[in-house]
Amino acid sequence: MSEIDDLVAKIVQQIGDNGGTSTGTTPTNTTNEKDLTRNDYPLYSKHPELVQSPSGKHLDQITLDNVMSNKIKSNDLRITPNTLRLQGEVANDAGRDAIQRNFKRAAELTSIPDERLLEMYNALRPYRSSKAELLAISDELKTKYNAPVNAGWFAEAADYYESRKKLKGDN
């Protein structure tokens, strides 16, 4: 049973440390009353009250007993946009603004279904998409998923691929 305990502990740690994508469920937002600093890292141990699953479960509810009794679903082991943004605050205070931007981008991506997200990233492979297709994804990210940071990234990729002859038909 200690292997299972170790696995659950590792998953709980990763909820606070790493990221994941959601399958389009509505995340539970937690308001943060103060700005977080580097001293608040890691969130899962310093501020467990700020870390919740997409369904609103708190970290103390994610236990082996609850997993075994099916009270914890796989979606409960995913990170929320709010937690990603909070992690970004910590990174920013530590002088890691590039990591904060990555957390912002990741927070936007949690609203996109996994299958669609993989399709979008596949479209970024060289010679896979036309400029119009990349710009259509950019528009979709902006309008359908409210993901302006990622929308800008796809628009920038469209221009870059055009200048480097990496669009569909250029090879």
N, C-alpha and C. Protein backbone atom coordinates (compact mmCIF):
# COMPACT_ATOMS: atom_id res chain seq x y z
N MET A 1 0.82 -1.19 0.00
CA MET A 1 0.00 0.00 0.00
C MET A 1 0.86 1.26 0.00
N SER A 2 2.15 1.17 0.39
CA SER A 2 2.96 2.38 0.44
C SER A 2 3.24 2.92 -0.96
N GLU A 3 3.27 2.07 -1.98
CA GLU A 3 3.45 2.55 -3.35
C GLU A 3 2.29 3.44 -3.76
N ILE A 4 1.07 3.05 -3.39
CA ILE A 4 -0.10 3.85 -3.72
C ILE A 4 -0.06 5.16 -2.94
N ASP A 5 0.31 5.10 -1.65
CA ASP A 5 0.43 6.32 -0.85
C ASP A 5 1.46 7.26 -1.46
N ASP A 6 2.58 6.72 -1.91
CA ASP A 6 3.62 7.53 -2.55
C ASP A 6 3.10 8.17 -3.83
N LEU A 7 2.34 7.40 -4.61
CA LEU A 7 1.78 7.91 -5.86
C LEU A 7 0.80 9.05 -5.59
N VAL A 8 -0.10 8.87 -4.63
CA VAL A 8 -1.07 9.92 -4.31
C VAL A 8 -0.34 11.16 -3.79
N ALA A 9 0.67 10.98 -2.95
CA ALA A 9 1.44 12.12 -2.44
C ALA A 9 2.12 12.86 -3.58
N LYS A 10 2.65 12.10 -4.53
CA LYS A 10 3.31 12.71 -5.68
C LYS A 10 2.31 13.50 -6.53
N ILE A 11 1.12 12.94 -6.73
CA ILE A 11 0.09 13.62 -7.52
C ILE A 11 -0.32 14.92 -6.83
N VAL A 12 -0.52 14.86 -5.53
CA VAL A 12 -0.91 16.06 -4.77
C VAL A 12 0.19 17.11 -4.87
N GLN A 13 1.45 16.68 -4.80
CA GLN A 13 2.56 17.62 -4.93
C GLN A 13 2.56 18.24 -6.32
N GLN A 14 2.31 17.45 -7.34
CA GLN A 14 2.31 17.97 -8.70
C GLN A 14 1.16 18.93 -8.96
N ILE A 15 0.07 18.77 -8.27
CA ILE A 15 -1.03 19.72 -8.42
C ILE A 15 -0.54 21.10 -8.04
N GLY A 16 0.26 21.18 -7.01
CA GLY A 16 0.80 22.47 -6.59
C GLY A 16 1.99 22.92 -7.39
N ASP A 17 2.81 21.98 -7.89
CA ASP A 17 4.06 22.34 -8.55
C ASP A 17 3.96 22.47 -10.05
N ASN A 18 3.19 21.61 -10.69
CA ASN A 18 3.19 21.54 -12.14
C ASN A 18 1.87 21.98 -12.71
N GLY A 19 1.66 21.70 -13.98
CA GLY A 19 0.43 22.09 -14.63
C GLY A 19 -0.18 20.94 -15.39
N GLY A 20 -1.32 21.18 -15.92
CA GLY A 20 -2.05 20.23 -16.73
C GLY A 20 -3.11 20.98 -17.47
N THR A 21 -3.81 20.32 -18.31
CA THR A 21 -4.88 20.99 -19.01
C THR A 21 -6.19 20.40 -18.58
N SER A 22 -7.19 21.17 -18.73
CA SER A 22 -8.52 20.72 -18.35
C SER A 22 -9.29 20.26 -19.57
N THR A 23 -10.35 19.57 -19.35
CA THR A 23 -11.16 19.10 -20.47
C THR A 23 -12.36 20.00 -20.71
N GLY A 24 -12.22 21.26 -20.35
CA GLY A 24 -13.29 22.20 -20.66
C GLY A 24 -14.28 22.42 -19.54
N THR A 25 -14.04 21.87 -18.37
CA THR A 25 -14.95 22.12 -17.26
C THR A 25 -14.74 23.53 -16.76
N THR A 26 -15.73 24.07 -16.11
CA THR A 26 -15.61 25.41 -15.58
C THR A 26 -14.80 25.36 -14.30
N PRO A 27 -13.69 26.08 -14.26
CA PRO A 27 -12.85 26.04 -13.08
C PRO A 27 -13.46 26.81 -11.92
N THR A 28 -13.06 26.43 -10.73
CA THR A 28 -13.46 27.17 -9.54
C THR A 28 -12.41 28.24 -9.30
N ASN A 29 -12.83 29.48 -9.25
CA ASN A 29 -11.89 30.56 -9.02
C ASN A 29 -11.82 30.89 -7.55
N THR A 30 -10.62 31.08 -7.08
CA THR A 30 -10.39 31.48 -5.72
C THR A 30 -9.79 32.87 -5.77
N THR A 31 -10.31 33.78 -4.98
CA THR A 31 -9.73 35.11 -4.99
C THR A 31 -8.54 35.13 -4.05
N ASN A 32 -7.57 35.90 -4.44
CA ASN A 32 -6.37 36.05 -3.65
C ASN A 32 -6.37 37.46 -3.06
N GLU A 33 -6.42 37.55 -1.75
CA GLU A 33 -6.55 38.84 -1.10
C GLU A 33 -5.25 39.62 -1.07
N LYS A 34 -4.11 38.96 -1.19
CA LYS A 34 -2.83 39.65 -1.17
C LYS A 34 -1.97 39.11 -2.30
N ASP A 35 -1.03 39.92 -2.73
CA ASP A 35 -0.10 39.45 -3.75
C ASP A 35 0.82 38.41 -3.14
N LEU A 36 1.05 37.36 -3.90
CA LEU A 36 1.93 36.31 -3.43
C LEU A 36 3.37 36.67 -3.76
N THR A 37 4.28 36.16 -2.95
CA THR A 37 5.70 36.39 -3.16
C THR A 37 6.42 35.06 -3.26
N ARG A 38 7.71 35.13 -3.53
CA ARG A 38 8.51 33.90 -3.62
C ARG A 38 8.46 33.10 -2.31
N ASN A 39 8.19 33.77 -1.21
CA ASN A 39 8.11 33.09 0.08
C ASN A 39 6.86 32.22 0.21
N ASP A 40 5.92 32.39 -0.70
CA ASP A 40 4.69 31.60 -0.68
C ASP A 40 4.81 30.30 -1.45
N TYR A 41 5.99 30.03 -1.99
CA TYR A 41 6.22 28.79 -2.74
C TYR A 41 6.69 27.70 -1.79
N PRO A 42 6.22 26.49 -1.95
CA PRO A 42 5.19 26.01 -2.86
C PRO A 42 3.79 26.26 -2.29
N LEU A 43 2.89 26.62 -3.18
CA LEU A 43 1.53 26.96 -2.76
C LEU A 43 0.83 25.82 -2.03
N TYR A 44 1.03 24.59 -2.52
CA TYR A 44 0.28 23.47 -1.93
C TYR A 44 0.61 23.26 -0.46
N SER A 45 1.81 23.65 -0.02
CA SER A 45 2.12 23.48 1.40
C SER A 45 2.00 24.79 2.18
N LYS A 46 2.29 25.93 1.55
CA LYS A 46 2.21 27.21 2.26
C LYS A 46 0.80 27.79 2.28
N HIS A 47 0.03 27.53 1.22
CA HIS A 47 -1.33 28.07 1.12
C HIS A 47 -2.27 27.03 0.52
N PRO A 48 -2.45 25.90 1.17
CA PRO A 48 -3.32 24.87 0.60
C PRO A 48 -4.75 25.34 0.40
N GLU A 49 -5.16 26.36 1.15
CA GLU A 49 -6.53 26.88 0.99
C GLU A 49 -6.73 27.57 -0.36
N LEU A 50 -5.65 27.94 -1.02
CA LEU A 50 -5.76 28.60 -2.33
C LEU A 50 -5.77 27.61 -3.49
N VAL A 51 -5.43 26.36 -3.21
CA VAL A 51 -5.32 25.36 -4.27
C VAL A 51 -6.53 24.45 -4.22
N GLN A 52 -7.28 24.45 -5.32
CA GLN A 52 -8.47 23.60 -5.43
C GLN A 52 -8.46 22.88 -6.77
N SER A 53 -9.20 21.80 -6.81
CA SER A 53 -9.38 21.08 -8.08
C SER A 53 -10.40 21.84 -8.92
N PRO A 54 -10.52 21.50 -10.20
CA PRO A 54 -11.53 22.15 -11.04
C PRO A 54 -12.96 22.00 -10.51
N SER A 55 -13.22 20.92 -9.76
CA SER A 55 -14.57 20.73 -9.21
C SER A 55 -14.72 21.39 -7.83
N GLY A 56 -13.66 22.04 -7.35
CA GLY A 56 -13.74 22.76 -6.08
C GLY A 56 -13.25 21.98 -4.87
N LYS A 57 -12.73 20.78 -5.08
CA LYS A 57 -12.21 20.01 -3.94
C LYS A 57 -10.88 20.61 -3.47
N HIS A 58 -10.73 20.64 -2.15
CA HIS A 58 -9.49 21.14 -1.56
C HIS A 58 -8.47 20.02 -1.47
N LEU A 59 -7.21 20.40 -1.32
CA LEU A 59 -6.13 19.41 -1.28
C LEU A 59 -6.32 18.36 -0.19
N ASP A 60 -6.86 18.77 0.96
CA ASP A 60 -7.02 17.81 2.05
C ASP A 60 -8.10 16.77 1.75
N GLN A 61 -8.89 17.00 0.70
CA GLN A 61 -9.90 16.02 0.29
C GLN A 61 -9.34 14.98 -0.68
N ILE A 62 -8.16 15.26 -1.20
CA ILE A 62 -7.54 14.33 -2.15
C ILE A 62 -6.69 13.36 -1.34
N THR A 63 -7.35 12.27 -0.95
CA THR A 63 -6.70 11.24 -0.14
C THR A 63 -6.83 9.89 -0.83
N LEU A 64 -6.03 8.96 -0.38
CA LEU A 64 -6.10 7.62 -0.93
C LEU A 64 -7.48 7.01 -0.71
N ASP A 65 -8.04 7.22 0.47
CA ASP A 65 -9.38 6.69 0.74
C ASP A 65 -10.41 7.26 -0.24
N ASN A 66 -10.33 8.56 -0.51
CA ASN A 66 -11.28 9.17 -1.44
C ASN A 66 -11.04 8.72 -2.88
N VAL A 67 -9.80 8.45 -3.23
CA VAL A 67 -9.51 7.92 -4.56
C VAL A 67 -10.09 6.51 -4.68
N MET A 68 -9.84 5.69 -3.67
CA MET A 68 -10.29 4.30 -3.70
C MET A 68 -11.82 4.20 -3.66
N SER A 69 -12.48 5.15 -3.00
CA SER A 69 -13.94 5.12 -2.93
C SER A 69 -14.58 5.90 -4.08
N ASN A 70 -13.77 6.31 -5.04
CA ASN A 70 -14.23 6.97 -6.25
C ASN A 70 -14.84 8.35 -5.99
N LYS A 71 -14.50 8.96 -4.85
CA LYS A 71 -14.94 10.32 -4.58
C LYS A 71 -14.05 11.35 -5.28
N ILE A 72 -12.87 10.90 -5.66
CA ILE A 72 -11.93 11.74 -6.41
C ILE A 72 -11.85 11.19 -7.83
N LYS A 73 -12.16 12.04 -8.79
CA LYS A 73 -12.12 11.66 -10.20
C LYS A 73 -10.82 12.19 -10.82
N SER A 74 -10.52 11.72 -12.01
CA SER A 74 -9.28 12.16 -12.66
C SER A 74 -9.27 13.68 -12.85
N ASN A 75 -10.43 14.27 -13.09
CA ASN A 75 -10.49 15.72 -13.25
C ASN A 75 -10.07 16.46 -11.98
N ASP A 76 -10.23 15.82 -10.83
CA ASP A 76 -9.84 16.45 -9.57
C ASP A 76 -8.32 16.54 -9.41
N LEU A 77 -7.59 15.88 -10.30
CA LEU A 77 -6.13 15.90 -10.23
C LEU A 77 -5.53 16.88 -11.24
N ARG A 78 -6.37 17.71 -11.80
CA ARG A 78 -5.93 18.72 -12.77
C ARG A 78 -5.78 20.07 -12.08
N ILE A 79 -4.95 20.88 -12.65
CA ILE A 79 -4.72 22.21 -12.09
C ILE A 79 -5.74 23.20 -12.66
N THR A 80 -6.05 24.22 -11.91
CA THR A 80 -7.02 25.23 -12.34
C THR A 80 -6.30 26.47 -12.88
N PRO A 81 -7.01 27.27 -13.67
CA PRO A 81 -6.39 28.52 -14.15
C PRO A 81 -5.97 29.42 -12.99
N ASN A 82 -6.76 29.46 -11.95
CA ASN A 82 -6.43 30.31 -10.82
C ASN A 82 -5.12 29.87 -10.17
N THR A 83 -4.93 28.58 -9.98
CA THR A 83 -3.69 28.10 -9.37
C THR A 83 -2.50 28.44 -10.26
N LEU A 84 -2.67 28.31 -11.57
CA LEU A 84 -1.59 28.67 -12.49
C LEU A 84 -1.26 30.16 -12.39
N ARG A 85 -2.29 31.00 -12.31
CA ARG A 85 -2.04 32.44 -12.16
C ARG A 85 -1.33 32.74 -10.84
N LEU A 86 -1.74 32.06 -9.77
CA LEU A 86 -1.08 32.27 -8.48
C LEU A 86 0.38 31.84 -8.54
N GLN A 87 0.65 30.72 -9.19
CA GLN A 87 2.03 30.28 -9.37
C GLN A 87 2.81 31.34 -10.16
N GLY A 88 2.14 31.97 -11.12
CA GLY A 88 2.77 33.04 -11.89
C GLY A 88 3.14 34.23 -11.02
N GLU A 89 2.29 34.57 -10.06
CA GLU A 89 2.60 35.66 -9.13
C GLU A 89 3.88 35.35 -8.37
N VAL A 90 3.99 34.12 -7.91
CA VAL A 90 5.18 33.70 -7.16
C VAL A 90 6.41 33.80 -8.06
N ALA A 91 6.30 33.31 -9.29
CA ALA A 91 7.42 33.36 -10.23
C ALA A 91 7.81 34.81 -10.53
N ASN A 92 6.82 35.67 -10.71
CA ASN A 92 7.11 37.07 -11.00
C ASN A 92 7.88 37.71 -9.85
N ASP A 93 7.45 37.45 -8.63
CA ASP A 93 8.14 38.02 -7.47
C ASP A 93 9.57 37.51 -7.37
N ALA A 94 9.81 36.31 -7.86
CA ALA A 94 11.16 35.74 -7.84
C ALA A 94 12.00 36.22 -9.02
N GLY A 95 11.45 37.16 -9.82
CA GLY A 95 12.18 37.70 -10.94
C GLY A 95 12.15 36.83 -12.18
N ARG A 96 11.18 35.94 -12.25
CA ARG A 96 11.07 35.02 -13.38
C ARG A 96 9.84 35.35 -14.20
N ASP A 97 9.90 36.50 -14.87
CA ASP A 97 8.74 36.96 -15.63
C ASP A 97 8.42 36.05 -16.81
N ALA A 98 9.42 35.39 -17.40
CA ALA A 98 9.16 34.45 -18.50
C ALA A 98 8.31 33.27 -18.00
N ILE A 99 8.59 32.81 -16.80
CA ILE A 99 7.81 31.71 -16.23
C ILE A 99 6.39 32.19 -15.95
N GLN A 100 6.25 33.43 -15.47
CA GLN A 100 4.91 33.97 -15.24
C GLN A 100 4.13 34.00 -16.55
N ARG A 101 4.76 34.41 -17.65
CA ARG A 101 4.06 34.42 -18.95
C ARG A 101 3.65 33.01 -19.35
N ASN A 102 4.49 32.02 -19.07
CA ASN A 102 4.13 30.63 -19.37
C ASN A 102 2.93 30.19 -18.54
N PHE A 103 2.88 30.59 -17.28
CA PHE A 103 1.72 30.26 -16.44
C PHE A 103 0.45 30.93 -16.95
N LYS A 104 0.55 32.18 -17.42
CA LYS A 104 -0.60 32.86 -17.99
C LYS A 104 -1.11 32.12 -19.22
N ARG A 105 -0.16 31.73 -20.07
CA ARG A 105 -0.54 30.99 -21.28
C ARG A 105 -1.19 29.66 -20.90
N ALA A 106 -0.61 28.97 -19.94
CA ALA A 106 -1.17 27.69 -19.50
C ALA A 106 -2.56 27.87 -18.89
N ALA A 107 -2.76 28.94 -18.13
CA ALA A 107 -4.07 29.20 -17.52
C ALA A 107 -5.13 29.36 -18.59
N GLU A 108 -4.78 30.03 -19.69
CA GLU A 108 -5.74 30.18 -20.78
C GLU A 108 -6.08 28.83 -21.41
N LEU A 109 -5.11 27.95 -21.50
CA LEU A 109 -5.30 26.68 -22.19
C LEU A 109 -6.17 25.69 -21.44
N THR A 110 -6.40 25.91 -20.16
CA THR A 110 -7.20 24.95 -19.39
C THR A 110 -8.64 24.88 -19.83
N SER A 111 -9.12 25.89 -20.54
CA SER A 111 -10.52 25.88 -20.99
C SER A 111 -10.71 25.15 -22.32
N ILE A 112 -9.62 24.76 -22.95
CA ILE A 112 -9.70 24.12 -24.26
C ILE A 112 -9.69 22.61 -24.08
N PRO A 113 -10.63 21.92 -24.69
CA PRO A 113 -10.63 20.45 -24.59
C PRO A 113 -9.30 19.86 -25.08
N ASP A 114 -8.85 18.82 -24.42
CA ASP A 114 -7.54 18.23 -24.72
C ASP A 114 -7.38 17.89 -26.20
N GLU A 115 -8.40 17.28 -26.79
CA GLU A 115 -8.31 16.87 -28.19
C GLU A 115 -8.09 18.08 -29.10
N ARG A 116 -8.84 19.15 -28.86
CA ARG A 116 -8.69 20.35 -29.69
C ARG A 116 -7.32 20.98 -29.47
N LEU A 117 -6.86 20.99 -28.24
CA LEU A 117 -5.55 21.56 -27.93
C LEU A 117 -4.44 20.83 -28.68
N LEU A 118 -4.53 19.51 -28.73
CA LEU A 118 -3.53 18.74 -29.48
C LEU A 118 -3.61 19.04 -30.97
N GLU A 119 -4.80 19.23 -31.49
CA GLU A 119 -4.94 19.60 -32.90
C GLU A 119 -4.29 20.95 -33.17
N MET A 120 -4.48 21.88 -32.25
CA MET A 120 -3.90 23.21 -32.43
C MET A 120 -2.37 23.13 -32.44
N TYR A 121 -1.83 22.40 -31.49
CA TYR A 121 -0.37 22.30 -31.44
C TYR A 121 0.19 21.52 -32.63
N ASN A 122 -0.54 20.55 -33.12
CA ASN A 122 -0.11 19.84 -34.31
C ASN A 122 -0.08 20.79 -35.51
N ALA A 123 -1.00 21.73 -35.54
CA ALA A 123 -1.04 22.72 -36.62
C ALA A 123 0.20 23.60 -36.63
N LEU A 124 0.89 23.69 -35.51
CA LEU A 124 2.11 24.51 -35.42
C LEU A 124 3.34 23.81 -35.99
N ARG A 125 3.24 22.54 -36.28
CA ARG A 125 4.39 21.84 -36.85
C ARG A 125 4.69 22.43 -38.23
N PRO A 126 5.96 22.59 -38.56
CA PRO A 126 6.31 23.17 -39.86
C PRO A 126 5.64 22.42 -41.01
N TYR A 127 5.18 23.20 -41.98
CA TYR A 127 4.56 22.71 -43.22
C TYR A 127 3.20 22.05 -43.02
N ARG A 128 2.59 22.17 -41.86
CA ARG A 128 1.29 21.54 -41.60
C ARG A 128 0.11 22.45 -41.87
N SER A 129 0.33 23.76 -41.78
CA SER A 129 -0.80 24.69 -41.86
C SER A 129 -0.47 25.85 -42.78
N SER A 130 -1.52 26.39 -43.37
CA SER A 130 -1.39 27.62 -44.14
C SER A 130 -1.45 28.80 -43.16
N LYS A 131 -1.09 29.96 -43.66
CA LYS A 131 -1.18 31.15 -42.81
C LYS A 131 -2.63 31.38 -42.39
N ALA A 132 -3.56 31.17 -43.33
CA ALA A 132 -4.99 31.37 -43.02
C ALA A 132 -5.44 30.41 -41.92
N GLU A 133 -4.97 29.17 -41.96
CA GLU A 133 -5.36 28.19 -40.93
C GLU A 133 -4.82 28.61 -39.56
N LEU A 134 -3.58 29.07 -39.50
CA LEU A 134 -3.02 29.51 -38.23
C LEU A 134 -3.74 30.75 -37.71
N LEU A 135 -4.09 31.65 -38.61
CA LEU A 135 -4.84 32.85 -38.18
C LEU A 135 -6.26 32.50 -37.74
N ALA A 136 -6.85 31.46 -38.34
CA ALA A 136 -8.18 31.01 -37.91
C ALA A 136 -8.11 30.43 -36.49
N ILE A 137 -7.03 29.70 -36.21
CA ILE A 137 -6.85 29.18 -34.84
C ILE A 137 -6.66 30.34 -33.87
N SER A 138 -5.90 31.34 -34.29
CA SER A 138 -5.70 32.53 -33.46
C SER A 138 -7.04 33.18 -33.13
N ASP A 139 -7.88 33.32 -34.14
CA ASP A 139 -9.21 33.91 -33.94
C ASP A 139 -10.07 33.04 -33.02
N GLU A 140 -10.01 31.73 -33.21
CA GLU A 140 -10.75 30.81 -32.35
C GLU A 140 -10.31 30.94 -30.90
N LEU A 141 -9.00 31.01 -30.68
CA LEU A 141 -8.49 31.16 -29.32
C LEU A 141 -8.98 32.45 -28.68
N LYS A 142 -9.01 33.50 -29.47
CA LYS A 142 -9.42 34.80 -28.95
C LYS A 142 -10.92 34.85 -28.67
N THR A 143 -11.72 34.39 -29.63
CA THR A 143 -13.17 34.56 -29.51
C THR A 143 -13.87 33.44 -28.77
N LYS A 144 -13.50 32.21 -29.05
CA LYS A 144 -14.20 31.08 -28.44
C LYS A 144 -13.69 30.75 -27.04
N TYR A 145 -12.37 30.85 -26.85
CA TYR A 145 -11.77 30.41 -25.58
C TYR A 145 -11.25 31.56 -24.72
N ASN A 146 -11.42 32.80 -25.17
CA ASN A 146 -10.93 33.95 -24.42
C ASN A 146 -9.47 33.74 -24.00
N ALA A 147 -8.63 33.43 -24.99
CA ALA A 147 -7.22 33.14 -24.74
C ALA A 147 -6.36 34.10 -25.58
N PRO A 148 -6.33 35.38 -25.21
CA PRO A 148 -5.63 36.36 -26.04
C PRO A 148 -4.12 36.15 -26.11
N VAL A 149 -3.50 35.68 -25.05
CA VAL A 149 -2.05 35.45 -25.09
C VAL A 149 -1.72 34.38 -26.12
N ASN A 150 -2.44 33.27 -26.08
CA ASN A 150 -2.21 32.20 -27.03
C ASN A 150 -2.63 32.59 -28.44
N ALA A 151 -3.68 33.40 -28.57
CA ALA A 151 -4.10 33.88 -29.88
C ALA A 151 -2.97 34.68 -30.52
N GLY A 152 -2.35 35.52 -29.74
CA GLY A 152 -1.22 36.30 -30.24
C GLY A 152 -0.06 35.43 -30.65
N TRP A 153 0.14 34.36 -29.91
CA TRP A 153 1.22 33.43 -30.20
C TRP A 153 1.00 32.77 -31.56
N PHE A 154 -0.23 32.36 -31.86
CA PHE A 154 -0.53 31.74 -33.15
C PHE A 154 -0.43 32.75 -34.29
N ALA A 155 -0.88 33.98 -34.07
CA ALA A 155 -0.76 35.01 -35.10
C ALA A 155 0.71 35.30 -35.39
N GLU A 156 1.51 35.36 -34.34
CA GLU A 156 2.95 35.56 -34.51
C GLU A 156 3.59 34.39 -35.26
N ALA A 157 3.16 33.17 -34.94
CA ALA A 157 3.67 31.99 -35.64
C ALA A 157 3.32 32.04 -37.12
N ALA A 158 2.12 32.51 -37.45
CA ALA A 158 1.70 32.60 -38.85
C ALA A 158 2.64 33.53 -39.62
N ASP A 159 2.95 34.68 -39.05
CA ASP A 159 3.86 35.62 -39.71
C ASP A 159 5.28 35.05 -39.80
N TYR A 160 5.72 34.45 -38.72
CA TYR A 160 7.07 33.88 -38.70
C TYR A 160 7.21 32.75 -39.72
N TYR A 161 6.24 31.85 -39.75
CA TYR A 161 6.29 30.74 -40.70
C TYR A 161 6.26 31.26 -42.14
N GLU A 162 5.51 32.32 -42.37
CA GLU A 162 5.47 32.90 -43.71
C GLU A 162 6.85 33.43 -44.09
N SER A 163 7.51 34.15 -43.18
CA SER A 163 8.82 34.73 -43.47
C SER A 163 9.90 33.67 -43.61
N ARG A 164 9.74 32.54 -42.96
CA ARG A 164 10.74 31.46 -43.00
C ARG A 164 10.37 30.33 -43.96
N LYS A 165 9.28 30.53 -44.71
CA LYS A 165 8.83 29.52 -45.68
C LYS A 165 8.58 28.17 -44.99
N LYS A 166 7.79 28.20 -43.92
CA LYS A 166 7.46 26.98 -43.16
C LYS A 166 5.98 26.66 -43.21
N LEU A 167 5.24 27.32 -44.11
CA LEU A 167 3.81 27.08 -44.23
C LEU A 167 3.53 25.89 -45.13
N LYS A 168 2.30 25.38 -45.06
CA LYS A 168 1.87 24.28 -45.92
C LYS A 168 2.10 24.69 -47.39
N GLY A 169 2.74 23.79 -48.12
CA GLY A 169 3.03 24.05 -49.54
C GLY A 169 4.39 24.68 -49.78
N ASP A 170 5.07 25.13 -48.74
CA ASP A 170 6.39 25.73 -48.92
C ASP A 170 7.51 24.71 -49.10
N ASN A 171 7.25 23.46 -48.73
CA ASN A 171 8.32 22.46 -48.78
C ASN A 171 8.44 21.81 -50.11
